[in-house]
Amino acid sequence: MKKNSSIGSEIEITLPAEASPEELRRTVARKSGSSGPFRIIRQSLDARHKPDIRWNYRIAVGSPPAPPEPERVLPVIRKRGAGRAV
């Protein structure tokens, strides 16, 4: 388990592709020793070995949930001399 003072501890977990969210919660609780809050930092699908496809997770344990990211509004770009948006 890796320690990071700003978010608590980080753990890495690998589960089968068909694993349920409940199985993820149980695995996090077992590996971290805590059934408290956790946050998925990174989730990636490992399909290098086709019959054995797995999810790789990096989990922050003991950290409060991250606030939602604000919506970003993209500007409308107009061509010079044109009266309509591109």
N, C-alpha and C. Protein backbone atom coordinates (compact mmCIF):
# COMPACT_ATOMS: atom_id res chain seq x y z
N MET A 1 0.86 -1.17 0.00
CA MET A 1 0.00 0.00 0.00
C MET A 1 0.90 1.23 0.00
N LYS A 2 0.62 2.14 -0.91
CA LYS A 2 1.41 3.36 -1.05
C LYS A 2 0.73 4.47 -0.25
N LYS A 3 1.53 5.25 0.47
CA LYS A 3 1.00 6.34 1.29
C LYS A 3 1.14 7.65 0.55
N ASN A 4 0.07 8.45 0.52
CA ASN A 4 0.10 9.78 -0.08
C ASN A 4 -0.67 10.68 0.87
N SER A 5 -0.02 11.65 1.46
CA SER A 5 -0.63 12.44 2.53
C SER A 5 -1.86 13.22 2.09
N SER A 6 -1.94 13.61 0.82
CA SER A 6 -3.08 14.43 0.40
C SER A 6 -4.35 13.61 0.23
N ILE A 7 -4.23 12.30 -0.04
CA ILE A 7 -5.44 11.52 -0.26
C ILE A 7 -5.52 10.27 0.59
N GLY A 8 -4.63 10.05 1.50
CA GLY A 8 -4.65 8.84 2.29
C GLY A 8 -3.72 7.81 1.68
N SER A 9 -4.21 6.58 1.48
CA SER A 9 -3.40 5.52 0.91
C SER A 9 -3.90 5.15 -0.47
N GLU A 10 -3.00 4.65 -1.30
CA GLU A 10 -3.37 4.16 -2.62
C GLU A 10 -3.06 2.68 -2.69
N ILE A 11 -3.96 1.91 -3.29
CA ILE A 11 -3.72 0.49 -3.52
C ILE A 11 -4.03 0.19 -4.97
N GLU A 12 -3.42 -0.88 -5.47
CA GLU A 12 -3.69 -1.34 -6.83
C GLU A 12 -4.36 -2.69 -6.75
N ILE A 13 -5.41 -2.87 -7.53
CA ILE A 13 -6.22 -4.08 -7.51
C ILE A 13 -6.43 -4.54 -8.94
N THR A 14 -6.39 -5.85 -9.15
CA THR A 14 -6.71 -6.45 -10.44
C THR A 14 -7.85 -7.43 -10.23
N LEU A 15 -8.91 -7.29 -11.03
CA LEU A 15 -10.08 -8.16 -10.93
C LEU A 15 -10.46 -8.67 -12.31
N PRO A 16 -11.14 -9.83 -12.38
CA PRO A 16 -11.63 -10.31 -13.67
C PRO A 16 -12.59 -9.30 -14.30
N ALA A 17 -12.69 -9.30 -15.62
CA ALA A 17 -13.54 -8.33 -16.33
C ALA A 17 -15.00 -8.44 -15.91
N GLU A 18 -15.44 -9.62 -15.52
CA GLU A 18 -16.85 -9.81 -15.16
C GLU A 18 -17.13 -9.56 -13.68
N ALA A 19 -16.16 -9.06 -12.93
CA ALA A 19 -16.34 -8.80 -11.49
C ALA A 19 -17.39 -7.72 -11.26
N SER A 20 -18.16 -7.88 -10.20
CA SER A 20 -19.23 -6.93 -9.87
C SER A 20 -18.67 -5.78 -9.02
N PRO A 21 -19.41 -4.66 -8.93
CA PRO A 21 -18.99 -3.57 -8.04
C PRO A 21 -18.89 -4.03 -6.58
N GLU A 22 -19.74 -4.96 -6.18
CA GLU A 22 -19.69 -5.48 -4.81
C GLU A 22 -18.37 -6.24 -4.57
N GLU A 23 -17.92 -6.97 -5.58
CA GLU A 23 -16.65 -7.68 -5.46
C GLU A 23 -15.49 -6.69 -5.34
N LEU A 24 -15.57 -5.57 -6.06
CA LEU A 24 -14.56 -4.52 -5.93
C LEU A 24 -14.55 -3.97 -4.51
N ARG A 25 -15.73 -3.67 -3.94
CA ARG A 25 -15.80 -3.16 -2.56
C ARG A 25 -15.19 -4.15 -1.56
N ARG A 26 -15.52 -5.43 -1.71
CA ARG A 26 -14.97 -6.45 -0.80
C ARG A 26 -13.45 -6.54 -0.92
N THR A 27 -12.94 -6.48 -2.15
CA THR A 27 -11.50 -6.58 -2.36
C THR A 27 -10.78 -5.36 -1.79
N VAL A 28 -11.36 -4.17 -1.97
CA VAL A 28 -10.76 -2.95 -1.40
C VAL A 28 -10.73 -3.06 0.12
N ALA A 29 -11.83 -3.50 0.73
CA ALA A 29 -11.88 -3.63 2.19
C ALA A 29 -10.85 -4.64 2.69
N ARG A 30 -10.70 -5.75 1.98
CA ARG A 30 -9.76 -6.79 2.40
C ARG A 30 -8.31 -6.30 2.25
N LYS A 31 -7.97 -5.67 1.13
CA LYS A 31 -6.58 -5.24 0.90
C LYS A 31 -6.19 -4.03 1.75
N SER A 32 -7.15 -3.14 2.03
CA SER A 32 -6.81 -1.93 2.79
C SER A 32 -7.01 -2.11 4.29
N GLY A 33 -7.78 -3.12 4.68
CA GLY A 33 -8.06 -3.33 6.10
C GLY A 33 -9.11 -2.37 6.62
N SER A 34 -9.81 -1.70 5.72
CA SER A 34 -10.82 -0.72 6.11
C SER A 34 -12.01 -0.81 5.17
N SER A 35 -13.21 -0.70 5.72
CA SER A 35 -14.39 -0.70 4.86
C SER A 35 -14.91 0.73 4.67
N GLY A 36 -14.04 1.70 4.90
CA GLY A 36 -14.40 3.11 4.77
C GLY A 36 -14.49 3.54 3.31
N PRO A 37 -14.54 4.85 3.10
CA PRO A 37 -14.70 5.36 1.73
C PRO A 37 -13.46 5.13 0.88
N PHE A 38 -13.68 4.98 -0.41
CA PHE A 38 -12.57 4.88 -1.35
C PHE A 38 -12.98 5.55 -2.65
N ARG A 39 -11.98 5.83 -3.47
CA ARG A 39 -12.23 6.50 -4.75
C ARG A 39 -11.36 5.84 -5.82
N ILE A 40 -11.94 5.57 -6.98
CA ILE A 40 -11.18 5.01 -8.09
C ILE A 40 -10.41 6.14 -8.75
N ILE A 41 -9.09 6.04 -8.73
CA ILE A 41 -8.24 7.04 -9.37
C ILE A 41 -8.06 6.71 -10.84
N ARG A 42 -7.81 5.42 -11.11
CA ARG A 42 -7.63 5.00 -12.50
C ARG A 42 -8.21 3.61 -12.67
N GLN A 43 -8.87 3.39 -13.81
CA GLN A 43 -9.43 2.09 -14.15
C GLN A 43 -9.03 1.80 -15.60
N SER A 44 -8.36 0.68 -15.82
CA SER A 44 -7.95 0.34 -17.18
C SER A 44 -8.21 -1.14 -17.43
N LEU A 45 -8.52 -1.45 -18.67
CA LEU A 45 -8.81 -2.82 -19.07
C LEU A 45 -7.56 -3.44 -19.67
N ASP A 46 -7.12 -4.57 -19.12
CA ASP A 46 -5.94 -5.28 -19.61
C ASP A 46 -6.42 -6.46 -20.45
N ALA A 47 -6.30 -6.34 -21.78
CA ALA A 47 -6.74 -7.39 -22.70
C ALA A 47 -5.56 -8.01 -23.44
N ARG A 48 -4.39 -7.96 -22.85
CA ARG A 48 -3.21 -8.52 -23.51
C ARG A 48 -3.29 -10.03 -23.65
N HIS A 49 -3.92 -10.69 -22.69
CA HIS A 49 -4.08 -12.15 -22.72
C HIS A 49 -5.57 -12.42 -22.93
N LYS A 50 -5.97 -12.63 -24.17
CA LYS A 50 -7.39 -12.64 -24.56
C LYS A 50 -8.30 -13.51 -23.69
N PRO A 51 -7.94 -14.72 -23.32
CA PRO A 51 -8.90 -15.46 -22.50
C PRO A 51 -9.01 -14.94 -21.06
N ASP A 52 -8.04 -14.15 -20.64
CA ASP A 52 -8.00 -13.68 -19.24
C ASP A 52 -8.00 -12.14 -19.22
N ILE A 53 -9.13 -11.53 -19.60
CA ILE A 53 -9.25 -10.07 -19.62
C ILE A 53 -9.54 -9.59 -18.20
N ARG A 54 -8.81 -8.56 -17.75
CA ARG A 54 -8.93 -8.11 -16.36
C ARG A 54 -8.99 -6.60 -16.27
N TRP A 55 -9.64 -6.10 -15.19
CA TRP A 55 -9.65 -4.67 -14.86
C TRP A 55 -8.52 -4.40 -13.89
N ASN A 56 -7.75 -3.35 -14.14
CA ASN A 56 -6.73 -2.87 -13.22
C ASN A 56 -7.23 -1.57 -12.61
N TYR A 57 -7.20 -1.47 -11.30
CA TYR A 57 -7.68 -0.29 -10.59
C TYR A 57 -6.56 0.30 -9.75
N ARG A 58 -6.51 1.62 -9.67
CA ARG A 58 -5.72 2.31 -8.64
C ARG A 58 -6.76 3.00 -7.77
N ILE A 59 -6.74 2.69 -6.48
CA ILE A 59 -7.78 3.12 -5.55
C ILE A 59 -7.17 4.00 -4.46
N ALA A 60 -7.82 5.13 -4.17
CA ALA A 60 -7.46 5.96 -3.03
C ALA A 60 -8.37 5.54 -1.87
N VAL A 61 -7.76 5.13 -0.77
CA VAL A 61 -8.51 4.63 0.38
C VAL A 61 -8.48 5.66 1.49
N GLY A 62 -9.62 5.85 2.15
CA GLY A 62 -9.69 6.76 3.28
C GLY A 62 -9.77 8.21 2.89
N SER A 63 -10.12 8.47 1.64
CA SER A 63 -10.21 9.86 1.20
C SER A 63 -11.67 10.22 0.97
N PRO A 64 -12.01 11.46 1.20
CA PRO A 64 -13.38 11.87 0.91
C PRO A 64 -13.61 11.85 -0.60
N PRO A 65 -14.84 11.69 -1.03
CA PRO A 65 -15.10 11.69 -2.47
C PRO A 65 -14.67 13.01 -3.10
N ALA A 66 -14.16 12.92 -4.30
CA ALA A 66 -13.71 14.12 -5.00
C ALA A 66 -14.91 14.95 -5.42
N PRO A 67 -14.81 16.27 -5.34
CA PRO A 67 -15.92 17.10 -5.79
C PRO A 67 -16.10 16.94 -7.29
N PRO A 68 -17.32 17.07 -7.78
CA PRO A 68 -17.54 16.92 -9.22
C PRO A 68 -16.80 18.01 -9.98
N GLU A 69 -16.30 17.64 -11.15
CA GLU A 69 -15.58 18.62 -11.96
C GLU A 69 -16.58 19.57 -12.59
N PRO A 70 -16.25 20.85 -12.65
CA PRO A 70 -17.18 21.81 -13.25
C PRO A 70 -17.30 21.55 -14.75
N GLU A 71 -18.48 21.87 -15.29
CA GLU A 71 -18.68 21.72 -16.73
C GLU A 71 -17.84 22.74 -17.45
N ARG A 72 -17.26 22.32 -18.55
CA ARG A 72 -16.46 23.25 -19.35
C ARG A 72 -17.26 23.63 -20.59
N VAL A 73 -17.28 24.90 -20.88
CA VAL A 73 -17.97 25.40 -22.07
C VAL A 73 -16.90 25.78 -23.09
N LEU A 74 -17.02 25.19 -24.27
CA LEU A 74 -16.05 25.48 -25.32
C LEU A 74 -16.53 26.66 -26.15
N PRO A 75 -15.62 27.54 -26.55
CA PRO A 75 -16.02 28.71 -27.33
C PRO A 75 -16.39 28.30 -28.76
N VAL A 76 -17.26 29.09 -29.38
CA VAL A 76 -17.61 28.89 -30.78
C VAL A 76 -16.59 29.64 -31.62
N ILE A 77 -15.97 28.93 -32.54
CA ILE A 77 -14.94 29.55 -33.38
C ILE A 77 -15.58 29.91 -34.72
N ARG A 78 -15.39 31.14 -35.12
CA ARG A 78 -15.97 31.61 -36.38
C ARG A 78 -14.86 31.91 -37.37
N LYS A 79 -15.15 31.64 -38.64
CA LYS A 79 -14.21 32.00 -39.70
C LYS A 79 -14.28 33.49 -39.93
N ARG A 80 -13.18 34.06 -40.34
CA ARG A 80 -13.19 35.49 -40.64
C ARG A 80 -14.08 35.75 -41.84
N GLY A 81 -14.91 36.75 -41.71
CA GLY A 81 -15.76 37.15 -42.82
C GLY A 81 -17.00 36.28 -42.98
N ALA A 82 -17.11 35.20 -42.25
CA ALA A 82 -18.29 34.34 -42.36
C ALA A 82 -19.28 34.73 -41.28
N GLY A 83 -20.54 34.59 -41.56
CA GLY A 83 -21.56 34.98 -40.60
C GLY A 83 -22.08 33.82 -39.78
N ARG A 84 -21.54 32.64 -39.95
CA ARG A 84 -22.05 31.49 -39.19
C ARG A 84 -20.91 30.73 -38.51
N ALA A 85 -21.26 29.95 -37.52
CA ALA A 85 -20.26 29.18 -36.78
C ALA A 85 -19.75 28.02 -37.62
N VAL A 86 -18.54 27.61 -37.34
CA VAL A 86 -17.93 26.50 -38.08
C VAL A 86 -18.32 25.20 -37.43
